[in-house]
Structures are given as C-alpha cells and as structure tokens.
N, C-alpha and C. Protein backbone atom coordinates (compact mmCIF):
# COMPACT_ATOMS: atom_id res chain seq x y z
N MET A 1 -1.31 -21.37 61.57
CA MET A 1 -1.77 -21.62 60.48
C MET A 1 -2.35 -20.12 59.85
N LYS A 2 -1.78 -20.23 58.29
CA LYS A 2 -2.17 -19.45 57.75
C LYS A 2 -3.67 -18.86 57.65
N ALA A 3 -4.10 -17.47 57.53
CA ALA A 3 -5.44 -17.33 57.51
C ALA A 3 -6.48 -17.81 56.48
N HIS A 4 -5.94 -17.76 55.18
CA HIS A 4 -6.76 -18.56 54.41
C HIS A 4 -6.90 -20.17 54.62
N TRP A 5 -5.82 -20.91 55.12
CA TRP A 5 -5.99 -22.09 55.48
C TRP A 5 -6.76 -21.84 56.99
N GLN A 6 -6.92 -21.29 57.43
CA GLN A 6 -7.85 -21.65 58.76
C GLN A 6 -9.25 -21.10 58.32
N MET A 7 -9.56 -20.34 57.16
CA MET A 7 -11.00 -20.49 56.74
C MET A 7 -11.39 -21.62 55.96
N ARG A 8 -10.49 -22.30 55.17
CA ARG A 8 -10.38 -23.58 54.25
C ARG A 8 -11.39 -24.81 55.53
N ALA A 9 -10.16 -24.87 56.31
CA ALA A 9 -10.52 -25.80 57.25
C ALA A 9 -11.71 -25.82 58.43
N SER A 10 -12.09 -24.38 58.50
CA SER A 10 -13.20 -24.17 59.38
C SER A 10 -14.27 -24.35 58.27
N ALA A 11 -14.55 -24.02 57.12
CA ALA A 11 -15.51 -23.89 56.30
C ALA A 11 -15.81 -25.53 56.11
N VAL A 12 -14.75 -26.52 56.06
CA VAL A 12 -14.86 -28.20 55.53
C VAL A 12 -15.41 -28.52 56.79
N ALA A 13 -14.83 -27.98 58.04
CA ALA A 13 -15.50 -28.66 59.28
C ALA A 13 -16.91 -28.28 59.84
N MET A 14 -17.19 -27.20 59.35
CA MET A 14 -18.86 -26.47 59.21
C MET A 14 -19.47 -27.46 58.52
N ALA A 15 -19.17 -27.71 57.43
CA ALA A 15 -20.09 -28.31 56.78
C ALA A 15 -20.11 -29.85 56.89
N ALA A 16 -19.32 -30.36 57.06
CA ALA A 16 -18.81 -31.81 57.85
C ALA A 16 -19.77 -32.18 59.13
N PHE A 17 -19.72 -31.41 60.18
CA PHE A 17 -20.22 -31.51 61.19
C PHE A 17 -21.92 -31.04 61.39
N VAL A 18 -22.26 -30.09 60.45
CA VAL A 18 -23.82 -29.64 59.99
C VAL A 18 -24.49 -30.48 59.68
N ALA A 19 -23.80 -31.19 58.38
CA ALA A 19 -24.66 -32.45 57.57
C ALA A 19 -24.28 -33.59 58.63
N SER A 20 -23.76 -34.15 59.38
CA SER A 20 -23.58 -35.35 60.28
C SER A 20 -24.46 -35.29 61.28
N MET A 21 -25.28 -33.73 61.58
CA MET A 21 -26.70 -34.31 62.49
C MET A 21 -27.48 -34.90 61.84
N ALA A 22 -27.51 -34.98 60.44
CA ALA A 22 -28.44 -35.87 59.88
C ALA A 22 -28.50 -37.30 60.51
N ALA A 23 -27.45 -37.54 61.41
CA ALA A 23 -27.10 -39.12 61.73
C ALA A 23 -28.02 -38.96 63.26
N ILE A 24 -28.43 -37.88 63.69
CA ILE A 24 -28.81 -38.07 65.02
C ILE A 24 -30.62 -38.72 65.07
N THR A 25 -30.72 -39.38 66.18
CA THR A 25 -31.85 -39.78 66.43
C THR A 25 -32.23 -39.65 67.51
N VAL A 26 -33.62 -40.32 67.86
CA VAL A 26 -34.01 -39.82 69.36
C VAL A 26 -33.27 -40.40 70.45
N ASP A 27 -32.41 -41.48 70.43
CA ASP A 27 -31.68 -42.34 71.49
C ASP A 27 -30.20 -41.71 71.49
N LYS A 28 -29.88 -40.60 70.95
CA LYS A 28 -28.68 -40.68 70.59
C LYS A 28 -28.50 -38.91 71.20
N GLY A 29 -28.74 -38.50 71.95
CA GLY A 29 -28.91 -37.30 72.79
C GLY A 29 -27.07 -36.95 72.89
N SER A 30 -26.44 -37.77 73.48
CA SER A 30 -25.00 -37.15 73.33
C SER A 30 -24.40 -37.01 71.94
N LEU A 31 -24.97 -37.74 71.22
CA LEU A 31 -24.35 -37.52 69.70
C LEU A 31 -24.58 -36.02 69.49
N ALA A 32 -25.96 -35.84 69.70
CA ALA A 32 -26.75 -34.45 69.27
C ALA A 32 -25.96 -33.35 69.73
N ILE A 33 -25.42 -33.26 71.29
CA ILE A 33 -25.05 -32.07 72.02
C ILE A 33 -23.69 -32.07 71.43
N ALA A 34 -22.99 -33.10 71.17
CA ALA A 34 -21.27 -32.97 70.48
C ALA A 34 -21.30 -32.14 69.42
N LEU A 35 -22.46 -33.03 68.55
CA LEU A 35 -22.25 -32.40 67.09
C LEU A 35 -22.72 -30.64 67.02
N MET A 36 -23.57 -30.74 67.74
CA MET A 36 -24.01 -29.09 68.09
C MET A 36 -23.11 -28.45 68.40
N ALA A 37 -22.18 -28.62 69.31
CA ALA A 37 -21.38 -27.83 70.20
C ALA A 37 -20.32 -27.63 68.50
N LEU A 38 -19.77 -28.76 67.95
CA LEU A 38 -18.75 -28.74 66.91
C LEU A 38 -19.40 -27.73 65.52
N SER A 39 -20.50 -28.11 65.52
CA SER A 39 -21.09 -27.54 64.18
C SER A 39 -21.02 -25.67 64.52
N GLY A 40 -21.28 -25.46 66.10
CA GLY A 40 -21.47 -24.05 66.18
C GLY A 40 -20.10 -23.64 66.62
N PHE A 41 -19.41 -23.84 67.00
CA PHE A 41 -17.76 -23.50 67.16
C PHE A 41 -17.07 -23.30 65.69
N SER A 42 -17.39 -24.16 64.47
CA SER A 42 -17.08 -24.13 63.38
C SER A 42 -17.61 -22.79 62.56
N VAL A 43 -18.97 -22.68 62.70
CA VAL A 43 -19.57 -21.47 62.01
C VAL A 43 -19.13 -20.27 62.79
N GLY A 44 -19.35 -20.18 64.12
CA GLY A 44 -18.32 -19.24 64.72
C GLY A 44 -17.10 -18.68 64.04
N TYR A 45 -16.09 -19.50 63.87
CA TYR A 45 -15.06 -19.39 63.63
C TYR A 45 -15.19 -18.83 62.14
N VAL A 46 -16.06 -19.42 60.96
CA VAL A 46 -15.88 -18.68 59.99
C VAL A 46 -16.58 -17.39 59.69
N GLU A 47 -17.49 -17.04 60.91
CA GLU A 47 -18.17 -15.80 60.90
C GLU A 47 -16.87 -14.83 61.42
N LEU A 48 -16.07 -15.34 62.35
CA LEU A 48 -15.47 -14.24 62.95
C LEU A 48 -14.30 -13.71 62.01
N LEU A 49 -13.65 -15.13 61.52
CA LEU A 49 -12.42 -14.86 60.30
C LEU A 49 -12.91 -13.83 59.37
N ALA A 50 -14.14 -14.06 59.04
CA ALA A 50 -14.25 -13.32 57.82
C ALA A 50 -14.43 -11.71 58.31
N LEU A 51 -15.26 -11.42 59.66
CA LEU A 51 -15.42 -10.12 60.33
C LEU A 51 -14.35 -9.81 60.50
N VAL A 52 -12.92 -10.35 60.58
CA VAL A 52 -11.71 -9.73 61.18
C VAL A 52 -11.22 -9.14 60.22
N LEU A 53 -10.84 -10.22 59.06
CA LEU A 53 -10.08 -10.07 57.72
C LEU A 53 -10.57 -9.07 56.76
N VAL A 54 -12.20 -9.21 56.52
CA VAL A 54 -12.43 -8.08 55.55
C VAL A 54 -11.76 -6.90 55.49
N PRO A 55 -11.97 -6.40 56.47
CA PRO A 55 -11.35 -4.38 56.75
C PRO A 55 -9.89 -4.93 56.31
N PHE A 56 -9.23 -5.93 56.04
CA PHE A 56 -7.39 -5.60 55.86
C PHE A 56 -7.62 -5.70 54.53
N THR A 57 -8.76 -6.01 53.60
CA THR A 57 -8.12 -6.38 52.22
C THR A 57 -8.98 -5.44 51.16
N CYS A 58 -9.28 -4.22 51.72
CA CYS A 58 -9.81 -2.94 51.49
C CYS A 58 -9.25 -1.78 51.62
N PRO A 59 -9.34 -0.92 50.85
CA PRO A 59 -8.59 0.73 51.05
C PRO A 59 -9.26 1.14 52.52
N PRO A 60 -8.54 1.67 53.16
CA PRO A 60 -8.94 2.40 54.56
C PRO A 60 -10.36 2.80 54.44
N GLY A 61 -10.68 3.68 53.32
CA GLY A 61 -11.62 4.84 53.34
C GLY A 61 -12.86 3.75 52.90
N ASP A 62 -12.77 2.17 52.29
CA ASP A 62 -13.94 1.59 51.83
C ASP A 62 -14.17 0.60 53.50
N ILE A 63 -13.52 0.59 54.50
CA ILE A 63 -13.91 -0.19 55.61
C ILE A 63 -14.84 -0.27 55.84
N GLY A 64 -15.80 0.91 56.09
CA GLY A 64 -16.85 0.88 56.34
C GLY A 64 -17.77 0.17 55.30
N LEU A 65 -17.66 0.59 54.20
CA LEU A 65 -18.63 0.03 52.79
C LEU A 65 -18.75 -1.64 52.79
N ALA A 66 -17.26 -1.98 53.02
CA ALA A 66 -16.89 -3.54 52.91
C ALA A 66 -17.54 -4.38 54.28
N SER A 67 -17.27 -3.43 55.59
CA SER A 67 -18.11 -4.27 56.34
C SER A 67 -19.43 -4.29 56.51
N GLY A 68 -20.38 -3.00 55.99
CA GLY A 68 -21.68 -3.18 55.99
C GLY A 68 -22.45 -4.02 54.78
N PHE A 69 -21.83 -4.25 54.03
CA PHE A 69 -21.50 -5.35 52.27
C PHE A 69 -21.88 -6.45 53.16
N GLN A 70 -20.71 -6.95 53.74
CA GLN A 70 -20.56 -8.21 54.37
C GLN A 70 -21.50 -8.29 55.34
N SER A 71 -22.26 -7.70 56.20
CA SER A 71 -23.37 -7.54 57.28
C SER A 71 -24.51 -7.74 56.11
N CYS A 72 -24.72 -7.28 55.20
CA CYS A 72 -25.91 -7.25 54.50
C CYS A 72 -25.81 -8.59 53.99
N CYS A 73 -25.18 -9.18 53.34
CA CYS A 73 -24.94 -10.50 52.91
C CYS A 73 -25.24 -11.66 53.61
N ARG A 74 -24.52 -11.46 54.60
CA ARG A 74 -24.66 -12.61 56.11
C ARG A 74 -26.51 -12.59 56.11
N GLY A 75 -26.80 -11.09 56.72
CA GLY A 75 -28.31 -11.22 56.81
C GLY A 75 -29.08 -11.58 55.61
N THR A 76 -28.99 -11.54 54.42
CA THR A 76 -29.32 -11.54 53.36
C THR A 76 -29.52 -13.43 53.23
N MET A 77 -28.36 -13.86 53.53
CA MET A 77 -28.16 -15.31 52.96
C MET A 77 -28.81 -16.23 54.16
N GLY A 78 -28.45 -15.29 55.46
CA GLY A 78 -29.30 -16.31 56.50
C GLY A 78 -30.80 -16.23 56.64
N THR A 79 -31.14 -15.33 56.15
CA THR A 79 -32.68 -15.27 56.07
C THR A 79 -33.22 -16.34 54.92
N ILE A 80 -32.48 -16.42 53.71
CA ILE A 80 -32.95 -17.31 52.59
C ILE A 80 -32.72 -18.75 53.11
N ALA A 81 -31.60 -19.01 53.73
CA ALA A 81 -31.28 -20.15 54.30
C ALA A 81 -32.36 -20.43 55.23
N THR A 82 -32.77 -19.75 56.31
CA THR A 82 -34.07 -20.07 57.42
C THR A 82 -35.15 -20.10 56.59
N ALA A 83 -35.63 -19.59 55.66
CA ALA A 83 -36.64 -20.17 55.36
C ALA A 83 -36.72 -21.46 54.66
N ILE A 84 -35.78 -21.45 53.69
CA ILE A 84 -35.44 -23.04 53.05
C ILE A 84 -35.70 -24.25 54.28
N TYR A 85 -34.84 -23.95 55.10
CA TYR A 85 -34.92 -25.10 56.57
C TYR A 85 -36.26 -25.10 57.04
N ALA A 86 -36.78 -24.07 57.54
CA ALA A 86 -38.27 -23.73 57.94
C ALA A 86 -39.29 -24.57 56.68
N THR A 87 -39.20 -24.39 55.65
CA THR A 87 -40.21 -25.08 54.53
C THR A 87 -39.97 -26.07 54.64
N VAL A 88 -38.79 -26.82 54.60
CA VAL A 88 -38.34 -28.23 54.44
C VAL A 88 -38.86 -28.97 55.55
N LEU A 89 -38.74 -28.29 56.64
CA LEU A 89 -38.92 -29.26 58.18
C LEU A 89 -40.64 -28.95 57.97
N GLU A 90 -41.29 -28.16 57.97
CA GLU A 90 -42.74 -27.89 57.95
C GLU A 90 -43.06 -29.05 56.92
N ASN A 91 -42.69 -29.11 55.60
CA ASN A 91 -43.35 -30.21 54.69
C ASN A 91 -42.95 -31.68 55.15
N ARG A 92 -41.66 -31.53 55.72
CA ARG A 92 -41.59 -33.02 56.19
C ARG A 92 -42.34 -33.66 57.20
N ASN A 93 -42.76 -32.67 58.18
CA ASN A 93 -43.62 -32.91 59.51
C ASN A 93 -45.00 -33.16 58.67
N LEU A 94 -45.48 -32.79 57.98
CA LEU A 94 -46.93 -33.04 57.42
C LEU A 94 -46.75 -34.47 56.90
N VAL A 95 -45.68 -35.31 56.70
CA VAL A 95 -45.76 -36.44 56.03
C VAL A 95 -45.49 -37.24 57.26
N ASN A 96 -44.64 -36.78 58.04
CA ASN A 96 -43.70 -37.91 59.36
C ASN A 96 -44.45 -37.98 60.16
N ILE A 97 -45.10 -37.08 60.74
CA ILE A 97 -46.08 -36.98 61.86
C ILE A 97 -47.50 -37.99 61.76
N PRO A 98 -48.20 -37.96 60.55
CA PRO A 98 -49.25 -38.94 60.27
C PRO A 98 -48.77 -40.30 60.33
N GLY A 99 -47.60 -40.36 59.67
CA GLY A 99 -46.97 -41.77 59.04
C GLY A 99 -46.54 -42.76 60.29
N GLN A 100 -46.02 -41.56 61.68
CA GLN A 100 -45.42 -42.22 62.57
C GLN A 100 -46.61 -42.26 63.81
N VAL A 101 -47.44 -41.32 63.97
CA VAL A 101 -48.09 -41.22 65.36
C VAL A 101 -49.55 -42.14 65.02
N GLY A 102 -49.94 -42.22 63.42
CA GLY A 102 -51.21 -43.24 63.40
C GLY A 102 -51.16 -44.48 63.57
N PRO A 103 -49.85 -45.06 63.29
CA PRO A 103 -49.77 -46.48 63.43
C PRO A 103 -49.35 -46.82 64.97
N ALA A 104 -48.75 -45.90 65.62
CA ALA A 104 -48.18 -46.23 66.72
C ALA A 104 -49.86 -45.74 67.77
N ALA A 105 -50.27 -45.14 67.61
CA ALA A 105 -51.30 -45.18 67.82
C ALA A 105 -52.35 -46.07 68.20
N LEU A 106 -52.85 -46.41 67.22
CA LEU A 106 -53.33 -47.93 66.77
C LEU A 106 -52.36 -48.95 67.54
N ARG A 107 -51.65 -49.25 67.48
CA ARG A 107 -51.02 -50.36 68.10
C ARG A 107 -50.93 -50.35 69.60
N ALA A 108 -50.81 -49.09 69.87
CA ALA A 108 -50.97 -48.76 71.60
C ALA A 108 -52.65 -49.07 72.16
N GLY A 109 -53.39 -49.16 71.30
CA GLY A 109 -54.99 -49.41 71.60
C GLY A 109 -56.00 -47.99 71.60
N LEU A 110 -55.65 -47.27 70.71
CA LEU A 110 -56.38 -46.03 70.64
C LEU A 110 -57.60 -46.16 69.50
N PRO A 111 -58.64 -45.71 69.64
CA PRO A 111 -59.62 -46.23 68.51
C PRO A 111 -59.64 -45.70 67.14
N ALA A 112 -59.68 -46.76 66.00
CA ALA A 112 -59.54 -46.09 64.70
C ALA A 112 -60.26 -44.80 64.57
N GLY A 113 -61.19 -45.09 65.28
CA GLY A 113 -61.51 -43.26 64.83
C GLY A 113 -61.33 -42.32 65.20
N SER A 114 -60.21 -42.16 66.35
CA SER A 114 -59.67 -41.25 66.92
C SER A 114 -58.22 -40.89 66.38
N VAL A 115 -57.97 -41.65 65.56
CA VAL A 115 -56.46 -41.37 65.17
C VAL A 115 -56.29 -40.19 64.10
N ALA A 116 -57.75 -39.54 63.19
CA ALA A 116 -57.10 -38.25 63.04
C ALA A 116 -57.19 -37.31 63.90
N MET A 117 -57.83 -37.24 65.08
CA MET A 117 -57.63 -36.25 66.29
C MET A 117 -56.55 -36.44 66.90
N ALA A 118 -55.64 -37.78 66.93
CA ALA A 118 -54.54 -37.61 67.66
C ALA A 118 -53.41 -37.33 66.72
N VAL A 119 -53.66 -37.38 65.28
CA VAL A 119 -52.90 -36.49 64.41
C VAL A 119 -52.69 -35.23 64.56
N LYS A 120 -53.55 -34.63 64.74
CA LYS A 120 -53.79 -33.23 64.79
C LYS A 120 -53.34 -32.79 65.97
N ALA A 121 -53.80 -33.31 67.15
CA ALA A 121 -53.23 -33.35 68.73
C ALA A 121 -51.60 -33.11 68.48
N ALA A 122 -50.80 -34.31 67.84
CA ALA A 122 -49.52 -34.53 67.68
C ALA A 122 -48.89 -33.14 66.89
N GLU A 123 -49.72 -33.19 66.22
CA GLU A 123 -49.00 -31.77 65.04
C GLU A 123 -49.36 -30.39 66.20
N ALA A 124 -50.10 -29.98 66.89
CA ALA A 124 -50.08 -29.08 67.77
C ALA A 124 -49.21 -29.16 68.64
N GLY A 125 -48.74 -30.53 69.18
CA GLY A 125 -47.74 -30.56 70.16
C GLY A 125 -47.93 -30.30 71.70
N THR A 126 -49.33 -30.11 72.26
CA THR A 126 -49.46 -29.69 73.59
C THR A 126 -50.31 -30.69 74.01
N PRO A 127 -50.03 -31.38 75.48
CA PRO A 127 -50.74 -32.04 76.02
C PRO A 127 -52.44 -32.10 76.28
N ALA A 128 -52.46 -30.77 76.46
CA ALA A 128 -53.94 -30.51 76.39
C ALA A 128 -54.89 -30.77 75.16
N ALA A 129 -53.78 -30.83 73.99
CA ALA A 129 -54.84 -31.42 72.57
C ALA A 129 -54.69 -32.89 72.73
N LEU A 130 -53.79 -33.56 73.05
CA LEU A 130 -53.85 -35.00 73.33
C LEU A 130 -54.81 -35.29 74.36
N ALA A 131 -55.12 -34.81 75.52
CA ALA A 131 -56.15 -34.93 76.59
C ALA A 131 -57.52 -35.05 75.85
N LYS A 132 -57.64 -34.15 74.90
CA LYS A 132 -59.25 -34.09 74.39
C LYS A 132 -59.30 -35.29 73.45
N VAL A 133 -58.45 -36.05 73.12
CA VAL A 133 -58.68 -37.46 71.92
C VAL A 133 -59.06 -38.09 72.83
N PRO A 134 -60.74 -38.98 72.00
CA PRO A 134 -61.57 -39.53 72.69
C PRO A 134 -60.52 -41.00 72.92
N GLY A 135 -60.52 -41.57 73.98
CA GLY A 135 -60.00 -42.88 74.41
C GLY A 135 -58.89 -42.74 74.49
N MET A 136 -58.24 -41.79 74.80
CA MET A 136 -56.55 -41.42 75.00
C MET A 136 -56.67 -42.06 76.74
N THR A 137 -55.06 -42.84 76.61
CA THR A 137 -54.96 -42.94 78.29
C THR A 137 -53.32 -42.92 78.23
N PRO A 138 -52.73 -42.57 79.29
CA PRO A 138 -51.75 -42.33 79.71
C PRO A 138 -50.54 -43.13 78.73
N ALA A 139 -50.94 -44.43 78.71
CA ALA A 139 -49.87 -45.17 77.93
C ALA A 139 -49.79 -44.81 76.18
N ILE A 140 -51.51 -44.62 75.59
CA ILE A 140 -51.24 -44.37 74.20
C ILE A 140 -50.73 -42.62 73.96
N ARG A 141 -51.06 -41.89 75.12
CA ARG A 141 -50.42 -40.65 75.21
C ARG A 141 -49.04 -40.91 74.85
N ASP A 142 -48.39 -41.59 75.85
CA ASP A 142 -46.64 -41.90 75.50
C ASP A 142 -46.21 -42.04 74.17
N ALA A 143 -46.96 -43.25 73.99
CA ALA A 143 -46.41 -44.16 72.44
C ALA A 143 -46.85 -42.98 71.45
N ILE A 144 -47.82 -41.97 71.48
CA ILE A 144 -47.76 -41.13 70.55
C ILE A 144 -46.66 -39.68 70.24
N GLN A 145 -46.65 -39.61 71.99
CA GLN A 145 -45.58 -38.55 72.01
C GLN A 145 -43.89 -39.26 71.50
N MET A 146 -43.87 -40.55 71.89
CA MET A 146 -42.72 -40.96 71.22
C MET A 146 -42.48 -41.35 69.68
N ALA A 147 -43.50 -41.36 69.21
CA ALA A 147 -43.68 -41.16 67.68
C ALA A 147 -43.71 -39.91 67.39
N THR A 148 -43.91 -38.79 67.92
CA THR A 148 -43.77 -37.59 67.36
C THR A 148 -42.68 -37.51 67.40
N ARG A 149 -41.94 -37.83 68.39
CA ARG A 149 -40.15 -37.19 68.70
C ARG A 149 -39.51 -38.23 67.43
N VAL A 150 -39.80 -39.48 67.41
CA VAL A 150 -39.21 -40.12 65.94
C VAL A 150 -39.51 -39.39 64.59
N ALA A 151 -40.57 -38.78 64.37
CA ALA A 151 -41.19 -37.80 63.16
C ALA A 151 -40.45 -36.75 62.99
N ASN A 152 -40.53 -35.86 64.60
CA ASN A 152 -39.70 -34.71 64.06
C ASN A 152 -38.27 -34.95 63.97
N ALA A 153 -37.49 -36.44 64.14
CA ALA A 153 -35.99 -36.54 64.21
C ALA A 153 -35.87 -36.74 62.65
N MET A 154 -36.80 -37.23 62.21
CA MET A 154 -36.88 -37.53 60.71
C MET A 154 -36.95 -36.56 59.67
N SER A 155 -37.69 -35.53 60.63
CA SER A 155 -37.76 -34.34 59.34
C SER A 155 -36.47 -33.40 59.80
N PHE A 156 -36.09 -33.29 60.55
CA PHE A 156 -34.55 -32.86 61.04
C PHE A 156 -33.79 -33.41 60.32
N ARG A 157 -33.51 -34.63 59.88
CA ARG A 157 -32.68 -35.23 59.40
C ARG A 157 -32.68 -34.87 57.92
N THR A 158 -33.81 -34.56 57.36
CA THR A 158 -33.97 -34.09 55.75
C THR A 158 -33.46 -32.61 55.79
N MET A 159 -33.50 -31.81 56.62
CA MET A 159 -33.31 -30.41 56.51
C MET A 159 -31.85 -30.50 56.85
N PHE A 160 -31.01 -31.30 57.81
CA PHE A 160 -29.86 -31.10 57.93
C PHE A 160 -29.02 -31.95 56.32
N LEU A 161 -29.88 -32.62 55.75
CA LEU A 161 -29.54 -33.02 54.48
C LEU A 161 -29.41 -32.14 53.50
N VAL A 162 -30.33 -31.16 53.57
CA VAL A 162 -30.48 -30.08 52.74
C VAL A 162 -29.09 -28.94 53.10
N SER A 163 -28.87 -28.87 53.93
CA SER A 163 -27.61 -28.18 54.29
C SER A 163 -26.43 -28.47 53.63
N ILE A 164 -26.18 -29.82 53.04
CA ILE A 164 -25.28 -30.12 52.47
C ILE A 164 -24.79 -29.11 51.40
N ALA A 165 -26.22 -28.99 50.82
CA ALA A 165 -25.66 -27.83 49.25
C ALA A 165 -25.19 -26.60 49.83
N PHE A 166 -25.41 -26.20 51.36
CA PHE A 166 -25.04 -24.75 51.40
C PHE A 166 -23.57 -25.20 51.91
N GLY A 167 -23.40 -26.32 52.65
CA GLY A 167 -22.17 -26.63 53.26
C GLY A 167 -20.92 -26.66 52.26
N VAL A 168 -21.33 -27.38 51.06
CA VAL A 168 -20.01 -27.87 50.06
C VAL A 168 -19.99 -26.62 49.39
N THR A 169 -20.98 -25.58 49.00
CA THR A 169 -20.57 -24.28 48.37
C THR A 169 -19.73 -23.68 49.11
N SER A 170 -20.12 -23.42 50.72
CA SER A 170 -19.51 -22.40 51.39
C SER A 170 -17.64 -23.17 51.65
N ALA A 171 -17.71 -24.34 51.23
CA ALA A 171 -16.41 -25.10 51.39
C ALA A 171 -15.57 -24.85 50.14
N ALA A 172 -16.17 -25.09 49.20
CA ALA A 172 -15.65 -24.93 48.04
C ALA A 172 -15.17 -23.60 47.52
N SER A 173 -16.16 -22.63 48.04
CA SER A 173 -15.77 -20.98 47.92
C SER A 173 -14.56 -20.97 48.69
N SER A 174 -14.26 -21.54 49.72
CA SER A 174 -13.06 -20.90 50.51
C SER A 174 -11.92 -21.53 50.00
N PHE A 175 -12.13 -22.09 49.01
CA PHE A 175 -10.31 -22.17 48.24
C PHE A 175 -10.15 -21.50 47.55
N PHE A 176 -11.02 -20.50 47.37
CA PHE A 176 -10.86 -19.36 46.42
C PHE A 176 -10.23 -18.32 46.90
N ILE A 177 -10.09 -18.49 48.24
CA ILE A 177 -9.37 -17.36 49.05
C ILE A 177 -7.92 -16.99 48.86
N ARG A 178 -7.39 -16.07 48.58
CA ARG A 178 -6.01 -16.12 48.33
C ARG A 178 -5.29 -15.63 49.87
N ASN A 179 -4.13 -15.98 49.72
CA ASN A 179 -3.14 -15.72 50.76
C ASN A 179 -3.19 -14.29 51.27
N LEU A 180 -3.26 -13.82 52.43
CA LEU A 180 -3.68 -12.62 53.06
C LEU A 180 -2.54 -12.15 53.66
N ASP A 181 -1.56 -12.66 53.54
CA ASP A 181 -0.49 -12.20 54.62
C ASP A 181 -0.15 -10.99 54.42
N ARG A 182 -0.18 -10.68 52.96
CA ARG A 182 0.44 -9.19 52.55
C ARG A 182 -0.48 -7.76 53.11
N HIS A 183 -1.58 -8.19 53.75
CA HIS A 183 -2.53 -6.96 54.19
C HIS A 183 -2.07 -7.14 55.72
N LEU A 184 -1.72 -7.92 56.19
CA LEU A 184 -1.73 -8.19 57.62
C LEU A 184 -0.23 -7.86 57.90
N THR A 185 -0.08 -6.43 58.28
CA THR A 185 1.19 -5.11 58.38
C THR A 185 0.78 -4.64 59.58
N ASP A 186 2.10 -4.01 60.03
CA ASP A 186 1.67 -3.31 61.28
C ASP A 186 1.42 -1.84 60.99
N ASP A 187 1.22 -1.69 59.48
CA ASP A 187 0.82 -0.27 59.14
C ASP A 187 -0.75 0.47 59.57
N VAL A 188 -0.91 1.60 60.25
CA VAL A 188 -1.93 1.77 60.89
C VAL A 188 -2.22 2.99 59.76
N ALA A 189 -3.73 2.91 59.42
CA ALA A 189 -3.94 3.86 58.22
C ALA A 189 -4.27 5.35 59.19
N ARG A 190 -4.95 5.06 60.19
CA ARG A 190 -5.10 6.44 60.96
C ARG A 190 -4.89 6.00 62.23
N LYS A 191 -4.55 7.28 63.09
CA LYS A 191 -3.91 6.77 64.55
C LYS A 191 -4.97 8.09 65.15
N LEU A 192 -5.39 7.82 66.37
CA LEU A 192 -5.86 8.86 67.34
C LEU A 192 -5.10 9.29 68.40
N GLN A 193 -3.99 8.44 68.81
CA GLN A 193 -3.05 9.05 69.59
C GLN A 193 -1.60 8.76 69.26
N GLY A 194 -0.85 10.03 69.80
CA GLY A 194 0.57 9.86 70.05
C GLY A 194 0.70 10.71 68.36
N VAL A 195 -0.11 11.44 67.94
CA VAL A 195 0.22 12.08 66.66
C VAL A 195 0.41 13.57 66.93
N LYS A 196 1.88 13.93 66.16
CA LYS A 196 2.22 14.94 66.74
C LYS A 196 1.20 16.15 65.78
N SER A 197 1.05 17.47 66.15
CA SER A 197 -0.14 18.17 65.81
C SER A 197 0.46 18.92 64.73
N ARG A 198 -0.05 19.15 63.71
CA ARG A 198 0.26 19.90 62.46
C ARG A 198 -0.32 21.41 62.31
N PRO A 199 0.27 22.21 61.87
CA PRO A 199 -0.52 23.61 61.98
C PRO A 199 -1.58 23.53 60.77
N VAL A 200 -2.65 24.11 60.78
CA VAL A 200 -3.83 24.19 60.07
C VAL A 200 -3.98 25.23 59.09
N ARG A 201 -3.98 25.12 57.59
CA ARG A 201 -4.04 26.06 56.98
C ARG A 201 -5.39 27.13 57.26
N ALA A 202 -5.25 28.05 56.77
CA ALA A 202 -5.85 29.41 56.70
C ALA A 202 -7.00 29.18 56.19
N ASP A 203 -7.37 28.09 54.99
CA ASP A 203 -8.39 27.98 53.99
C ASP A 203 -9.60 27.26 55.20
N ILE A 204 -8.79 26.14 55.90
CA ILE A 204 -9.74 25.14 56.43
C ILE A 204 -10.36 25.99 57.63
N GLU A 205 -8.92 26.62 58.03
CA GLU A 205 -9.65 27.42 59.69
C GLU A 205 -11.10 28.30 59.36
N GLN A 206 -11.04 29.08 58.22
CA GLN A 206 -12.19 29.80 57.82
C GLN A 206 -13.75 28.84 57.87
N THR A 207 -14.59 29.33 58.51
CA THR A 207 -15.91 28.52 59.10
C THR A 207 -17.13 29.67 58.96
N LYS A 208 -18.15 29.02 58.39
CA LYS A 208 -19.22 29.67 58.32
C LYS A 208 -20.16 29.72 59.43
N GLU A 209 -20.40 30.78 59.73
CA GLU A 209 -21.43 30.80 61.12
C GLU A 209 -22.34 30.09 60.53
N VAL A 210 -23.29 29.18 61.59
CA VAL A 210 -24.59 28.55 61.25
C VAL A 210 -25.44 29.71 61.91
N ALA A 211 -26.88 30.11 60.97
CA ALA A 211 -27.86 31.09 61.90
C ALA A 211 -28.68 30.34 62.67
C-alpha cells in the first residue's frame, strides 16, 4: 500500500478505535484491553509514518529543520490535548463521583450525615480515607468503591468522546497528503562510505591557528 494511503488508513483507524473506548464500562475489561491495544498500534503507526516520511519531502539541507519542527508540533499539540483531556476528566469526576457515590452509600446503609465525608474519601481514592468515615463497614466500602469505578468510567467516556474532535481533524487532514512515491528514490544525498577522495583546493586547506 502506498505511503499516503497507509497514513489515511491508520489515521482513520486511530480516530475510530480511540473514540470507541467511550463504550467501555466497568464490566468490559476485555473490550478495554482490545481497544487500547488497537488504539496504541494505530497511534504508533501514524507517528512512525510521519517520522519516516517527513525527511524525504524536503531538501537534504532542511532535514534537520523539518524533523525538529515536526517534533515541536507533536510536543506542543500533545501538551494541549493532554491539558484538555485532564480538565475534562477532572470536571466530570467532580459531578459523577458525588452523583454515584452518595446514592450508593445510602443504599448500602451509610448514615446520611456521613455521605459528604464518603464522597470526599472517594475523591481521595485511598482506603485510609474511607476507613475514617463514620459508620463505614466493609459492605459499604465495597459499594462506594464500585460506585467510584462507575463514576470514573463515565468521566473517561466523556473524555474519549472529546477525542473525536482531534481524531476527525487528523483523519480529514490525512486525505490532503499527496502521493510521495516521487520522493522515495534510491538517491543518497550524502555518502559517508565508498566515496572516492577528491583533491582539496588550496584556499580550503589554509586554516588559521587558534591561539
């Protein structure tokens, strides 16, 4: 398959598999593993193609500049995307954890006066914090932990839905990539071995001594 079609296929697959992770729930561990593996493979394929092909599309003297600019863009956009995902996840957890933990704790028998502390303990995510909640029992603790897992899954669902914007943009942009076959030749711009020595001009041989 030609390189530009490989990029298009991998970009579409990346967008689809990452967005599909929004379907993961607490009882779908196998699906989570499968989609995570496919998403990681697709993302890696896109990055590898870009890393390999960019130097072929510019003059030899600009290879370093092009590769550096590519790395800069990847790092910058990755930082922006990470900030967006982290913000979405945190904001959704502020809504989902109280919405799931509170009712679950009450159904399990936790006194109403301890619900607020239970929610804060669930947000902290440590067994020690849950143990300090008045009226806590092993059954109530298990119910709170399951509710916290459900809340986290709901928050991650929103985060993966947000990724659709990045995925669609990436997939659409990949269709603007032209056929790169004309750049994939056996020409070697600079050779380090097997090169016949040439006489050096006198003006190049003259050097200034450095004090």
